[in-house]
Amino acid sequence: MNILLNNFKQLTTTPQNAEQLKKLVLQLAVQGKLTEEWRKQHPDVEPASALLERIRTEKERLIKEKKIKRQKSLPEITEEEKPFELPKEWEWCRLGKYALNRDGERIPLSKKDRELRQGEYDYYGASGVIDKIDDFLYEGEFLLIGEDGANLVARSTPIAFIAKGKFWVNNHAHILECIKETSIAYLTSFFNAIDLKPFITGGFQPKLSQGNLNKIPIAIPNFLEQKAIVEKVESLFAKIDRLHELAQKKAETRQKAASAVFGGINNATNEEDLQATWQLLKKNFSQVSQTREGVKQLRQSILQLAVQGRLTVNWRKQNPDVEPASELLGRIRAEKERLIKEKKIKRQKPLPEITEEEKLFDLPVGWEWCRIGKLCDMIYGSSLTKSQCIPNGKYPVYGSNGIVGHYNEYLTEKRAIIVGRKGSSGALNISEYPSWTTDVAYYIEESDNIDFTFFYYLLKSLNLEKMGKGIKPGLNRNEFYEVIAVLPPLPEQQAIVKKVNQLMSWCDELEKKIEERETLHEKIMHAVVKQAI
């Protein structure tokens, strides 16, 4: 309990953590671990055995008055069935001996029947209200427990819940009535805390039969402690919700700040705005990147800065006499003509000239605008069967988003950028070795005229994933060739790579810290669970 309470704040930072923590609170509650201090302060309360005796007497009275039928006798609870040790004065009791089962009064209605009987009363199914109808079967406060369906195993919603007032129940939820001096809220907590798998039958369609439900052993404290447990659970749940809400608000504030900064970088229209935003980002580098999504946005913003020449302003001042990119474009064009003449590549369709409206920002001196098709040839991969991909093959085989096997032949012996064509369209991967690319991807071979890593970063900055079309997104090569890109001088490409690598290493450190924080929270949660068990 001490580990739980001391680390409550850290354990409520994510929705998953908050839900896991609530489940843990319930498990501690039904084992009596939340009310240890309460028992010390109330040493003279009656034992649970006295409560069970009154329940047995009350049931006999109802049988005598023919208000309920006598149940089949239930076997005694064995030691093997008791999942944990009870506090002193608590008792184990099978559910069938503890509560009244009212399943016999349920009446299922088809959807068509319900459409003809719309009204004000709730109509319950296995996981809650599913409709409203014009009449009711039950009146009062009852506990409903799902009888069948995937939620019995998945537990994505509470398996047990309270229904109050006047309502109708179909045959997909068991309905239980508690006898006086027993807490229906405690029984609800108990069912939401325990593992029901030993009592569930069926595979594809899980089912908790009435017979198995009645056999479930229940940990019973006296009535006063039941109420104390419920109060403690409600208090802790409220605290979890408050802390989680506070953590979420802080995260949202950070995310808004991050989005504003990244948006300022990506949308800056002049040098002054950009530099002001960049200085703000550097000042708050770690604060705006507290989440994996924040770091992802930061990486994309770094790439945008890189391809706008913002990261190499000082480099250009120190290197004013480098060869302009126009000369580089000429060599790239000449190299393409040579390869076409040697029939190693095919001539592309003519690409449209770039209009002034398409130029999104002012280029640094010595840079050039160009269509991406002027810089590279994107080559179709070739299909392989699954049997051709072998575990011990010499060369990696790439699919649309990474290595999918190995093969003893290669399509290119050069370094290559693999571009997803179908499925993970626009996804980028680098192959440093001879490789084979399948027909769901393209590959772009390394060129002497463009820095290989710079070109990879350039493609990453273009968000090619957004170009995918269709139900199974596909990247069209001709549309890719028309994408507008920038070309800096070759030495500046290398300077950009050096700067981007440095900034990306900072992002790696941020992600590492995020991972360490998440791992710490996971360890704390495991320690709490271990202490509870």
Protein backbone atom coordinates (compact mmCIF):
# COMPACT_ATOMS: atom_id res chain seq x y z
CA MET A 1 0.00 0.00 0.00
CA ASN A 2 2.82 2.44 0.81
CA ILE A 3 4.36 2.07 -2.68
CA LEU A 4 0.92 2.64 -4.21
CA LEU A 5 0.13 5.78 -2.25
CA ASN A 6 3.65 7.25 -2.52
CA ASN A 7 3.64 6.92 -6.32
CA PHE A 8 0.01 7.70 -7.03
CA LYS A 9 0.84 10.82 -9.06
CA GLN A 10 3.36 9.11 -11.35
CA LEU A 11 1.03 6.18 -11.99
CA THR A 12 -1.84 8.29 -13.35
CA THR A 13 -0.13 9.96 -16.31
CA THR A 14 -1.76 7.90 -19.09
CA PRO A 15 -5.27 6.46 -19.60
CA GLN A 16 -3.80 2.95 -19.60
CA ASN A 17 -2.00 3.56 -16.31
CA ALA A 18 -5.11 5.07 -14.72
CA GLU A 19 -7.28 2.09 -15.70
CA GLN A 20 -4.61 -0.38 -14.57
CA LEU A 21 -4.34 1.47 -11.27
CA LYS A 22 -8.12 1.30 -10.74
CA LYS A 23 -8.04 -2.46 -11.29
CA LEU A 24 -5.24 -2.72 -8.75
CA VAL A 25 -7.21 -0.66 -6.23
CA LEU A 26 -10.14 -3.07 -6.60
CA GLN A 27 -7.86 -6.08 -6.10
CA LEU A 28 -6.39 -4.56 -2.94
CA ALA A 29 -9.87 -3.61 -1.72
CA VAL A 30 -11.41 -7.09 -1.92
CA GLN A 31 -8.38 -8.55 -0.13
CA GLY A 32 -8.94 -6.19 2.79
CA LYS A 33 -5.67 -4.32 2.21
CA LEU A 34 -7.31 -0.90 1.92
CA THR A 35 -9.00 -1.23 5.28
CA GLU A 36 -6.21 -2.55 7.50
CA GLU A 37 -6.19 0.69 9.47
CA TRP A 38 -10.00 0.66 9.69
CA ARG A 39 -9.92 -2.78 11.31
CA LYS A 40 -7.41 -1.58 13.89
CA GLN A 41 -9.76 1.29 14.75
CA HIS A 42 -12.82 -1.03 14.90
CA PRO A 43 -11.67 -4.16 16.73
CA ASP A 44 -15.08 -5.05 18.17
CA VAL A 45 -17.25 -5.28 15.02
CA GLU A 46 -19.07 -8.56 14.53
CA PRO A 47 -17.43 -11.23 12.36
CA ALA A 48 -18.64 -11.94 8.84
CA SER A 49 -19.90 -15.32 10.03
CA ALA A 50 -22.72 -13.55 11.89
CA LEU A 51 -23.73 -11.75 8.68
CA LEU A 52 -23.74 -15.02 6.74
CA GLU A 53 -25.95 -16.63 9.38
CA ARG A 54 -28.50 -13.80 9.06
CA ILE A 55 -28.45 -14.21 5.27
CA ARG A 56 -29.08 -17.96 5.65
CA THR A 57 -32.00 -17.26 8.03
CA GLU A 58 -33.49 -14.65 5.69
CA LYS A 59 -33.29 -17.02 2.74
CA GLU A 60 -35.10 -19.74 4.74
CA ARG A 61 -37.87 -17.26 5.53
CA LEU A 62 -38.28 -16.32 1.87
CA ILE A 63 -38.38 -20.01 0.90
CA LYS A 64 -41.01 -20.69 3.55
CA GLU A 65 -43.10 -17.80 2.25
CA LYS A 66 -42.63 -19.18 -1.28
CA LYS A 67 -41.04 -15.95 -2.49
CA ILE A 68 -37.97 -17.81 -3.71
CA LYS A 69 -37.18 -21.43 -4.51
CA ARG A 70 -34.64 -23.54 -2.66
CA GLN A 71 -31.41 -23.79 -4.64
CA LYS A 72 -29.45 -26.92 -5.31
CA SER A 73 -26.89 -27.43 -2.57
CA LEU A 74 -23.46 -25.99 -3.32
CA PRO A 75 -20.19 -27.75 -2.41
CA GLU A 76 -17.98 -26.45 0.38
CA ILE A 77 -15.13 -24.17 -0.74
CA THR A 78 -11.83 -26.01 -0.88
CA GLU A 79 -8.47 -24.48 0.04
CA GLU A 80 -7.40 -24.67 -3.62
CA GLU A 81 -10.32 -22.41 -4.60
CA LYS A 82 -9.29 -19.60 -2.25
CA PRO A 83 -7.19 -17.18 -4.35
CA PHE A 84 -5.79 -15.23 -1.37
CA GLU A 85 -5.64 -15.22 2.41
CA LEU A 86 -8.48 -13.40 4.17
CA PRO A 87 -8.17 -10.97 7.07
CA LYS A 88 -9.30 -12.28 10.44
CA GLU A 89 -13.11 -12.32 10.87
CA TRP A 90 -13.73 -12.42 7.07
CA GLU A 91 -15.35 -15.47 5.46
CA TRP A 92 -15.44 -17.22 2.10
CA CYS A 93 -18.92 -17.88 0.75
CA ARG A 94 -20.21 -19.06 -2.63
CA LEU A 95 -22.22 -16.42 -4.45
CA GLY A 96 -25.30 -18.68 -4.57
CA LYS A 97 -25.43 -18.69 -0.77
CA TYR A 98 -24.84 -14.96 -0.47
CA ALA A 99 -27.16 -13.21 -2.98
CA LEU A 100 -30.54 -13.86 -4.60
CA ASN A 101 -30.48 -14.76 -8.28
CA ARG A 102 -33.39 -13.18 -10.24
CA ASP A 103 -32.50 -14.55 -13.71
CA GLY A 104 -35.81 -16.38 -13.96
CA GLU A 105 -37.71 -13.12 -14.43
CA ARG A 106 -35.72 -11.93 -17.46
CA ILE A 107 -37.44 -11.65 -20.84
CA PRO A 108 -35.43 -11.03 -24.03
CA LEU A 109 -36.99 -8.88 -26.75
CA SER A 110 -35.88 -8.79 -30.36
CA LYS A 111 -34.76 -5.51 -31.90
CA LYS A 112 -37.93 -5.51 -34.01
CA ASP A 113 -40.10 -5.92 -30.90
CA ARG A 114 -38.24 -3.12 -29.11
CA GLU A 115 -38.74 -0.77 -32.06
CA LEU A 116 -42.48 -1.21 -31.59
CA ARG A 117 -42.24 -0.64 -27.83
CA GLN A 118 -40.08 2.46 -27.46
CA GLY A 119 -40.49 4.15 -24.07
CA GLU A 120 -38.82 5.59 -20.96
CA TYR A 121 -37.38 2.45 -19.27
CA ASP A 122 -33.82 1.23 -19.71
CA TYR A 123 -33.36 -2.08 -21.49
CA TYR A 124 -30.14 -3.82 -20.33
CA GLY A 125 -27.86 -6.27 -22.12
CA ALA A 126 -24.56 -7.89 -21.12
CA SER A 127 -22.59 -4.64 -20.82
CA GLY A 128 -25.18 -2.01 -19.99
CA VAL A 129 -28.18 -0.16 -21.43
CA ILE A 130 -28.76 -0.95 -25.09
CA ASP A 131 -32.26 0.47 -25.63
CA LYS A 132 -35.38 2.11 -24.10
CA ILE A 133 -38.78 0.41 -23.96
CA ASP A 134 -42.30 1.05 -22.65
CA ASP A 135 -42.34 -1.28 -19.60
CA PHE A 136 -40.14 -2.70 -16.84
CA LEU A 137 -39.49 -6.08 -15.21
CA TYR A 138 -37.51 -4.99 -12.14
CA GLU A 139 -37.77 -2.16 -9.66
CA GLY A 140 -35.13 -1.35 -7.07
CA GLU A 141 -31.34 -1.72 -6.94
CA PHE A 142 -29.75 -4.80 -8.50
CA LEU A 143 -26.36 -6.07 -9.61
CA LEU A 144 -26.04 -7.08 -13.26
CA ILE A 145 -23.23 -9.36 -14.45
CA GLY A 146 -22.57 -10.14 -18.11
CA GLU A 147 -23.56 -13.71 -19.01
CA ASP A 148 -21.94 -14.03 -22.44
CA GLY A 149 -19.91 -12.18 -25.04
CA ALA A 150 -16.27 -11.26 -25.67
CA ASN A 151 -16.21 -8.75 -22.79
CA LEU A 152 -16.23 -11.65 -20.31
CA VAL A 153 -12.62 -12.24 -21.35
CA ALA A 154 -11.51 -8.85 -22.74
CA ARG A 155 -12.92 -6.84 -19.79
CA SER A 156 -12.86 -3.67 -21.89
CA THR A 157 -15.86 -2.46 -19.87
CA PRO A 158 -16.85 -3.42 -16.29
CA ILE A 159 -18.24 -6.94 -16.13
CA ALA A 160 -20.48 -6.05 -13.18
CA PHE A 161 -22.59 -2.90 -12.86
CA ILE A 162 -25.51 -1.62 -10.77
CA ALA A 163 -28.98 -0.98 -12.22
CA LYS A 164 -31.41 1.23 -10.27
CA GLY A 165 -35.06 2.21 -10.57
CA LYS A 166 -37.40 0.56 -13.04
CA PHE A 167 -35.82 -1.34 -15.92
CA TRP A 168 -35.88 -4.40 -18.20
CA VAL A 169 -33.11 -7.03 -18.59
CA ASN A 170 -32.59 -9.46 -21.46
CA ASN A 171 -31.04 -12.92 -21.12
CA HIS A 172 -27.46 -11.76 -21.70
CA ALA A 173 -26.97 -10.42 -18.18
CA HIS A 174 -27.40 -12.18 -14.85
CA ILE A 175 -29.34 -10.19 -12.28
CA LEU A 176 -28.63 -10.42 -8.53
CA GLU A 177 -30.41 -8.94 -5.54
CA CYS A 178 -28.55 -8.37 -2.30
CA ILE A 179 -30.11 -9.14 1.07
CA LYS A 180 -30.28 -6.41 3.75
CA GLU A 181 -27.02 -5.52 5.50
CA THR A 182 -24.93 -6.41 2.48
CA SER A 183 -23.40 -3.83 0.16
CA ILE A 184 -24.26 -4.17 -3.52
CA ALA A 185 -21.40 -1.74 -4.31
CA TYR A 186 -18.91 -4.00 -2.53
CA LEU A 187 -20.14 -7.04 -4.48
CA THR A 188 -19.81 -5.03 -7.71
CA SER A 189 -16.22 -4.16 -6.82
CA PHE A 190 -15.47 -7.78 -6.02
CA PHE A 191 -16.64 -9.04 -9.42
CA ASN A 192 -14.77 -6.30 -11.27
CA ALA A 193 -11.60 -7.22 -9.36
CA ILE A 194 -11.47 -11.00 -9.77
CA ASP A 195 -10.49 -13.26 -12.66
CA LEU A 196 -13.58 -15.00 -14.02
CA LYS A 197 -11.78 -17.19 -16.57
CA PRO A 198 -11.96 -20.38 -14.42
CA PHE A 199 -15.77 -20.09 -14.50
CA ILE A 200 -16.19 -19.20 -18.19
CA THR A 201 -17.00 -21.84 -20.79
CA GLY A 202 -17.06 -21.71 -24.58
CA GLY A 203 -14.33 -20.55 -26.93
CA PHE A 204 -15.61 -18.34 -29.74
CA GLN A 205 -18.63 -17.31 -27.65
CA PRO A 206 -17.60 -17.10 -23.95
CA LYS A 207 -20.34 -17.80 -21.43
CA LEU A 208 -20.72 -17.52 -17.66
CA SER A 209 -23.56 -19.90 -16.83
CA GLN A 210 -25.82 -19.40 -13.82
CA GLY A 211 -24.50 -22.63 -12.32
CA ASN A 212 -20.88 -21.46 -12.54
CA LEU A 213 -21.82 -17.97 -11.34
CA ASN A 214 -23.37 -19.40 -8.17
CA LYS A 215 -20.16 -21.39 -7.47
CA ILE A 216 -17.85 -18.34 -7.43
CA PRO A 217 -16.24 -17.90 -3.97
CA ILE A 218 -16.79 -14.42 -2.54
CA ALA A 219 -14.58 -12.82 0.15
CA ILE A 220 -17.04 -11.49 2.76
CA PRO A 221 -16.25 -8.85 5.41
CA ASN A 222 -18.90 -7.60 7.82
CA PHE A 223 -21.36 -4.99 6.57
CA LEU A 224 -19.60 -2.00 8.17
CA GLU A 225 -16.28 -2.92 6.60
CA GLN A 226 -17.97 -3.46 3.24
CA LYS A 227 -19.16 0.16 3.41
CA ALA A 228 -15.69 1.31 4.49
CA ILE A 229 -14.15 -0.51 1.52
CA VAL A 230 -16.60 1.10 -0.91
CA GLU A 231 -15.84 4.57 0.50
CA LYS A 232 -12.10 3.94 0.20
CA VAL A 233 -12.42 2.71 -3.39
CA GLU A 234 -14.57 5.69 -4.39
CA SER A 235 -12.08 8.08 -2.74
CA LEU A 236 -9.09 6.53 -4.53
CA PHE A 237 -10.93 6.38 -7.86
CA ALA A 238 -11.76 10.09 -7.53
CA LYS A 239 -8.11 10.85 -6.76
CA ILE A 240 -6.95 8.81 -9.77
CA ASP A 241 -9.38 10.70 -12.01
CA ARG A 242 -8.29 14.10 -10.66
CA LEU A 243 -4.57 13.36 -11.05
CA HIS A 244 -5.07 11.85 -14.49
CA GLU A 245 -7.11 14.86 -15.61
CA LEU A 246 -4.38 17.20 -14.31
CA ALA A 247 -1.67 15.18 -16.10
CA GLN A 248 -3.71 15.24 -19.32
CA LYS A 249 -4.20 19.01 -19.11
CA LYS A 250 -0.46 19.52 -18.66
CA ALA A 251 0.23 17.21 -21.60
CA GLU A 252 -2.32 19.07 -23.76
CA THR A 253 -0.76 22.43 -22.83
CA ARG A 254 2.69 21.14 -23.77
CA GLN A 255 1.32 19.71 -27.02
CA LYS A 256 -0.35 23.02 -27.94
CA ALA A 257 2.88 24.87 -27.23
CA ALA A 258 4.82 22.35 -29.30
CA SER A 259 2.35 22.57 -32.19
CA ALA A 260 2.57 26.37 -32.13
CA VAL A 261 6.38 26.29 -32.23
CA PHE A 262 6.55 23.61 -34.93
CA GLY A 263 3.86 25.36 -36.94
CA GLY A 264 5.82 28.60 -36.70
CA ILE A 265 8.91 26.85 -38.07
CA ASN A 266 7.11 25.08 -40.88
CA ASN A 267 5.02 28.10 -41.92
CA ALA A 268 7.47 30.97 -41.45
CA THR A 269 7.32 33.38 -44.40
CA ASN A 270 10.37 35.47 -43.59
CA GLU A 271 13.76 35.13 -41.93
CA GLU A 272 12.86 37.19 -38.84
CA ASP A 273 9.82 35.05 -37.96
CA LEU A 274 11.77 31.87 -38.52
CA GLN A 275 14.74 32.90 -36.41
CA ALA A 276 12.46 34.03 -33.56
CA THR A 277 10.64 30.69 -33.60
CA TRP A 278 13.87 28.73 -33.88
CA GLN A 279 15.32 30.52 -30.85
CA LEU A 280 12.12 29.77 -28.90
CA LEU A 281 12.40 26.11 -29.87
CA LYS A 282 16.05 25.89 -28.77
CA LYS A 283 15.20 27.54 -25.45
CA ASN A 284 12.37 25.06 -24.78
CA PHE A 285 13.81 22.05 -26.63
CA SER A 286 12.99 19.44 -23.98
CA GLN A 287 9.76 21.04 -22.75
CA VAL A 288 7.99 20.89 -26.12
CA SER A 289 9.09 17.31 -26.65
CA GLN A 290 7.78 15.47 -23.61
CA THR A 291 5.91 12.87 -25.65
CA ARG A 292 6.77 10.55 -28.53
CA GLU A 293 4.41 12.54 -30.76
CA GLY A 294 6.19 15.76 -29.76
CA VAL A 295 9.57 14.30 -30.70
CA LYS A 296 8.11 13.08 -34.00
CA GLN A 297 6.93 16.63 -34.76
CA LEU A 298 10.32 17.98 -33.74
CA ARG A 299 12.11 15.65 -36.17
CA GLN A 300 9.86 16.79 -39.02
CA SER A 301 10.46 20.45 -38.13
CA ILE A 302 14.23 19.88 -38.16
CA LEU A 303 13.94 18.43 -41.67
CA GLN A 304 11.86 21.43 -42.79
CA LEU A 305 14.52 23.80 -41.45
CA ALA A 306 17.21 21.76 -43.17
CA VAL A 307 15.66 21.84 -46.64
CA GLN A 308 15.03 25.58 -46.33
CA GLY A 309 18.71 26.20 -45.61
CA ARG A 310 17.96 27.52 -42.11
CA LEU A 311 20.43 25.20 -40.38
CA THR A 312 23.40 26.26 -42.52
CA VAL A 313 23.15 30.06 -42.51
CA ASN A 314 26.53 30.42 -40.79
CA TRP A 315 28.09 27.74 -43.01
CA ARG A 316 27.20 29.76 -46.11
CA LYS A 317 28.78 32.87 -44.61
CA GLN A 318 31.97 30.90 -44.00
CA ASN A 319 31.88 29.25 -47.45
CA PRO A 320 30.81 31.93 -49.95
CA ASP A 321 32.62 30.51 -52.99
CA VAL A 322 31.12 27.02 -53.34
CA GLU A 323 29.92 25.85 -56.72
CA PRO A 324 26.20 26.70 -57.18
CA ALA A 325 23.60 23.97 -57.43
CA SER A 326 22.87 24.98 -61.04
CA GLU A 327 26.21 23.44 -62.01
CA LEU A 328 25.33 20.31 -60.05
CA LEU A 329 21.98 20.07 -61.85
CA GLY A 330 23.83 20.20 -65.13
CA ARG A 331 26.02 17.23 -64.14
CA ILE A 332 22.96 15.28 -62.94
CA ARG A 333 21.27 15.94 -66.30
CA ALA A 334 24.36 14.84 -68.21
CA GLU A 335 24.66 11.66 -66.11
CA LYS A 336 21.01 10.80 -66.85
CA GLU A 337 21.57 11.26 -70.57
CA ARG A 338 24.56 8.92 -70.43
CA LEU A 339 22.53 6.23 -68.63
CA ILE A 340 19.67 6.60 -71.13
CA LYS A 341 22.12 6.25 -74.03
CA GLU A 342 23.57 3.10 -72.41
CA LYS A 343 19.97 1.84 -71.99
CA LYS A 344 20.40 1.49 -68.22
CA ILE A 345 17.39 3.73 -67.52
CA LYS A 346 14.44 4.92 -69.60
CA ARG A 347 13.74 8.53 -70.47
CA GLN A 348 11.10 10.04 -68.19
CA LYS A 349 8.07 11.92 -69.40
CA PRO A 350 8.76 15.68 -69.65
CA LEU A 351 8.15 17.43 -66.33
CA PRO A 352 6.32 20.76 -66.11
CA GLU A 353 8.29 23.91 -65.34
CA ILE A 354 8.00 25.20 -61.78
CA THR A 355 5.84 28.33 -61.48
CA GLU A 356 6.51 31.17 -59.05
CA GLU A 357 3.34 30.23 -57.14
CA GLU A 358 4.77 26.76 -56.45
CA LYS A 359 7.87 28.14 -54.74
CA LEU A 360 6.90 28.08 -51.08
CA PHE A 361 9.82 30.08 -49.69
CA ASP A 362 12.87 32.07 -50.74
CA LEU A 363 15.89 29.92 -51.49
CA PRO A 364 19.39 30.71 -50.25
CA VAL A 365 21.82 31.98 -52.87
CA GLY A 366 23.29 29.09 -54.85
CA TRP A 367 20.30 26.75 -54.35
CA GLU A 368 17.88 25.59 -57.05
CA TRP A 369 14.24 24.56 -57.28
CA CYS A 370 13.58 21.39 -59.28
CA ARG A 371 11.13 18.54 -59.73
CA ILE A 372 12.21 15.45 -57.79
CA GLY A 373 12.20 13.48 -61.05
CA LYS A 374 15.13 15.61 -62.26
CA LEU A 375 17.22 14.35 -59.32
CA CYS A 376 16.62 10.61 -59.36
CA ASP A 377 15.15 7.56 -61.02
CA MET A 378 12.75 5.50 -58.94
CA ILE A 379 13.09 1.87 -60.04
CA TYR A 380 10.35 -0.74 -59.69
CA GLY A 381 11.14 -3.70 -57.46
CA SER A 382 10.66 -7.28 -58.61
CA SER A 383 8.42 -9.88 -56.99
CA LEU A 384 9.65 -12.90 -55.05
CA THR A 385 7.62 -15.81 -53.73
CA LYS A 386 7.70 -16.67 -50.02
CA SER A 387 9.61 -19.85 -50.81
CA GLN A 388 12.33 -17.82 -52.53
CA CYS A 389 12.96 -15.77 -49.37
CA ILE A 390 15.27 -17.85 -47.22
CA PRO A 391 16.43 -17.14 -43.63
CA ASN A 392 20.13 -17.57 -44.44
CA GLY A 393 20.12 -15.71 -47.78
CA LYS A 394 23.04 -13.41 -48.54
CA TYR A 395 21.13 -10.20 -49.25
CA PRO A 396 18.20 -8.40 -47.55
CA VAL A 397 14.85 -8.36 -49.33
CA TYR A 398 12.77 -5.19 -48.82
CA GLY A 399 9.00 -4.88 -48.89
CA SER A 400 7.05 -1.63 -48.66
CA ASN A 401 8.32 -0.83 -45.16
CA GLY A 402 11.43 -2.77 -44.25
CA ILE A 403 13.18 -6.12 -44.59
CA VAL A 404 10.83 -9.05 -45.25
CA GLY A 405 13.40 -11.79 -45.84
CA HIS A 406 16.71 -12.66 -47.54
CA TYR A 407 17.71 -13.91 -50.99
CA ASN A 408 20.93 -15.07 -52.67
CA GLU A 409 20.66 -12.50 -55.48
CA TYR A 410 20.36 -8.71 -55.52
CA LEU A 411 18.77 -6.11 -57.80
CA THR A 412 21.31 -3.42 -56.94
CA GLU A 413 24.73 -3.60 -55.37
CA LYS A 414 24.68 0.10 -54.54
CA ARG A 415 23.35 1.74 -51.41
CA ALA A 416 19.68 2.45 -52.00
CA ILE A 417 16.67 4.27 -50.57
CA ILE A 418 13.65 1.97 -50.55
CA VAL A 419 10.32 3.77 -51.09
CA GLY A 420 7.04 2.02 -50.25
CA ARG A 421 4.78 1.73 -53.30
CA LYS A 422 1.77 -0.25 -52.04
CA GLY A 423 0.46 -0.68 -48.51
CA SER A 424 2.97 1.44 -46.57
CA SER A 425 3.15 3.87 -49.46
CA GLY A 426 5.80 6.56 -49.09
CA ALA A 427 7.58 4.75 -46.24
CA LEU A 428 11.36 5.17 -46.49
CA ASN A 429 14.13 2.73 -45.61
CA ILE A 430 17.85 2.74 -46.31
CA SER A 431 19.81 -0.28 -47.51
CA GLU A 432 23.56 0.08 -46.93
CA TYR A 433 24.32 -3.18 -48.74
CA PRO A 434 23.44 -4.95 -52.00
CA SER A 435 19.70 -5.70 -51.79
CA TRP A 436 16.56 -6.93 -53.49
CA THR A 437 13.37 -4.85 -53.52
CA THR A 438 10.01 -6.55 -54.07
CA ASP A 439 7.25 -5.28 -56.36
CA VAL A 440 5.45 -3.41 -53.54
CA ALA A 441 8.29 -0.86 -53.39
CA TYR A 442 10.63 1.24 -55.49
CA TYR A 443 14.34 1.78 -54.96
CA ILE A 444 16.57 4.78 -55.67
CA GLU A 445 20.27 4.03 -56.14
CA GLU A 446 23.04 6.15 -54.66
CA SER A 447 24.44 8.81 -56.99
CA ASP A 448 27.84 10.53 -56.99
CA ASN A 449 26.14 13.88 -57.62
CA ILE A 450 23.89 14.01 -54.54
CA ASP A 451 24.83 13.23 -50.95
CA PHE A 452 23.05 9.96 -50.18
CA THR A 453 21.97 10.88 -46.63
CA PHE A 454 20.91 14.39 -47.66
CA PHE A 455 18.65 12.93 -50.34
CA TYR A 456 17.11 10.59 -47.75
CA TYR A 457 16.43 13.57 -45.46
CA LEU A 458 15.03 15.52 -48.42
CA LEU A 459 12.56 12.70 -49.17
CA LYS A 460 11.63 12.45 -45.46
CA SER A 461 10.80 16.17 -45.44
CA LEU A 462 8.30 15.70 -48.29
CA ASN A 463 5.83 13.55 -46.28
CA LEU A 464 5.44 11.08 -49.13
CA GLU A 465 3.01 9.00 -47.03
CA LYS A 466 0.35 11.64 -47.73
CA MET A 467 0.59 10.95 -51.47
CA GLY A 468 -0.84 7.43 -51.09
CA LYS A 469 -4.21 6.92 -52.79
CA GLY A 470 -6.87 4.22 -52.75
CA ILE A 471 -8.22 1.71 -50.22
CA LYS A 472 -4.78 0.13 -50.13
CA PRO A 473 -2.72 3.32 -50.49
CA GLY A 474 -0.37 3.39 -53.47
CA LEU A 475 2.37 5.83 -54.50
CA ASN A 476 2.26 6.75 -58.20
CA ARG A 477 5.76 7.17 -59.70
CA ASN A 478 4.80 9.88 -62.19
CA GLU A 479 3.14 11.94 -59.45
CA PHE A 480 6.24 11.45 -57.31
CA TYR A 481 8.45 12.78 -60.11
CA GLU A 482 6.41 16.02 -60.22
CA VAL A 483 6.95 16.80 -56.52
CA ILE A 484 8.86 20.05 -56.05
CA ALA A 485 12.16 19.81 -54.18
CA VAL A 486 15.25 21.89 -53.50
CA LEU A 487 18.87 21.25 -54.41
CA PRO A 488 21.70 22.88 -52.42
CA PRO A 489 25.34 22.76 -53.55
CA LEU A 490 26.96 19.39 -52.81
CA PRO A 491 29.28 20.66 -50.02
CA GLU A 492 26.30 22.31 -48.31
CA GLN A 493 24.34 19.05 -48.58
CA GLN A 494 27.10 17.45 -46.52
CA ALA A 495 27.04 20.32 -44.00
CA ILE A 496 23.25 19.94 -43.69
CA VAL A 497 23.62 16.21 -43.02
CA LYS A 498 26.14 16.90 -40.26
CA LYS A 499 23.78 19.41 -38.60
CA VAL A 500 20.67 17.24 -38.98
CA ASN A 501 22.50 14.23 -37.56
CA GLN A 502 23.42 16.26 -34.50
CA LEU A 503 19.85 17.45 -33.96
CA MET A 504 18.44 13.98 -34.58
CA SER A 505 20.80 12.63 -31.92
CA TRP A 506 19.22 15.13 -29.50
CA CYS A 507 15.83 13.74 -30.49
CA ASP A 508 17.14 10.23 -29.82
CA GLU A 509 18.13 11.37 -26.33
CA LEU A 510 14.67 12.84 -25.75
CA GLU A 511 13.03 9.58 -26.84
CA LYS A 512 15.38 7.67 -24.57
CA LYS A 513 14.34 9.84 -21.61
CA ILE A 514 10.67 9.32 -22.46
CA GLU A 515 11.26 5.56 -22.64
CA GLU A 516 13.14 5.61 -19.31
CA ARG A 517 10.26 7.53 -17.71
CA GLU A 518 7.71 5.04 -19.04
CA THR A 519 9.90 2.13 -17.88
CA LEU A 520 10.15 3.67 -14.40
CA HIS A 521 6.37 3.99 -14.19
CA GLU A 522 6.04 0.37 -15.33
CA LYS A 523 8.51 -0.77 -12.66
CA ILE A 524 6.63 1.15 -9.97
CA MET A 525 3.38 -0.44 -11.13
CA HIS A 526 4.97 -3.91 -11.00
CA ALA A 527 6.30 -3.18 -7.50
CA VAL A 528 2.83 -2.12 -6.36
CA VAL A 529 1.29 -5.25 -7.88
CA LYS A 530 3.96 -7.44 -6.27
CA GLN A 531 3.35 -5.85 -2.88
CA ALA A 532 -0.40 -6.29 -3.31
CA ILE A 533 -0.07 -9.95 -4.23
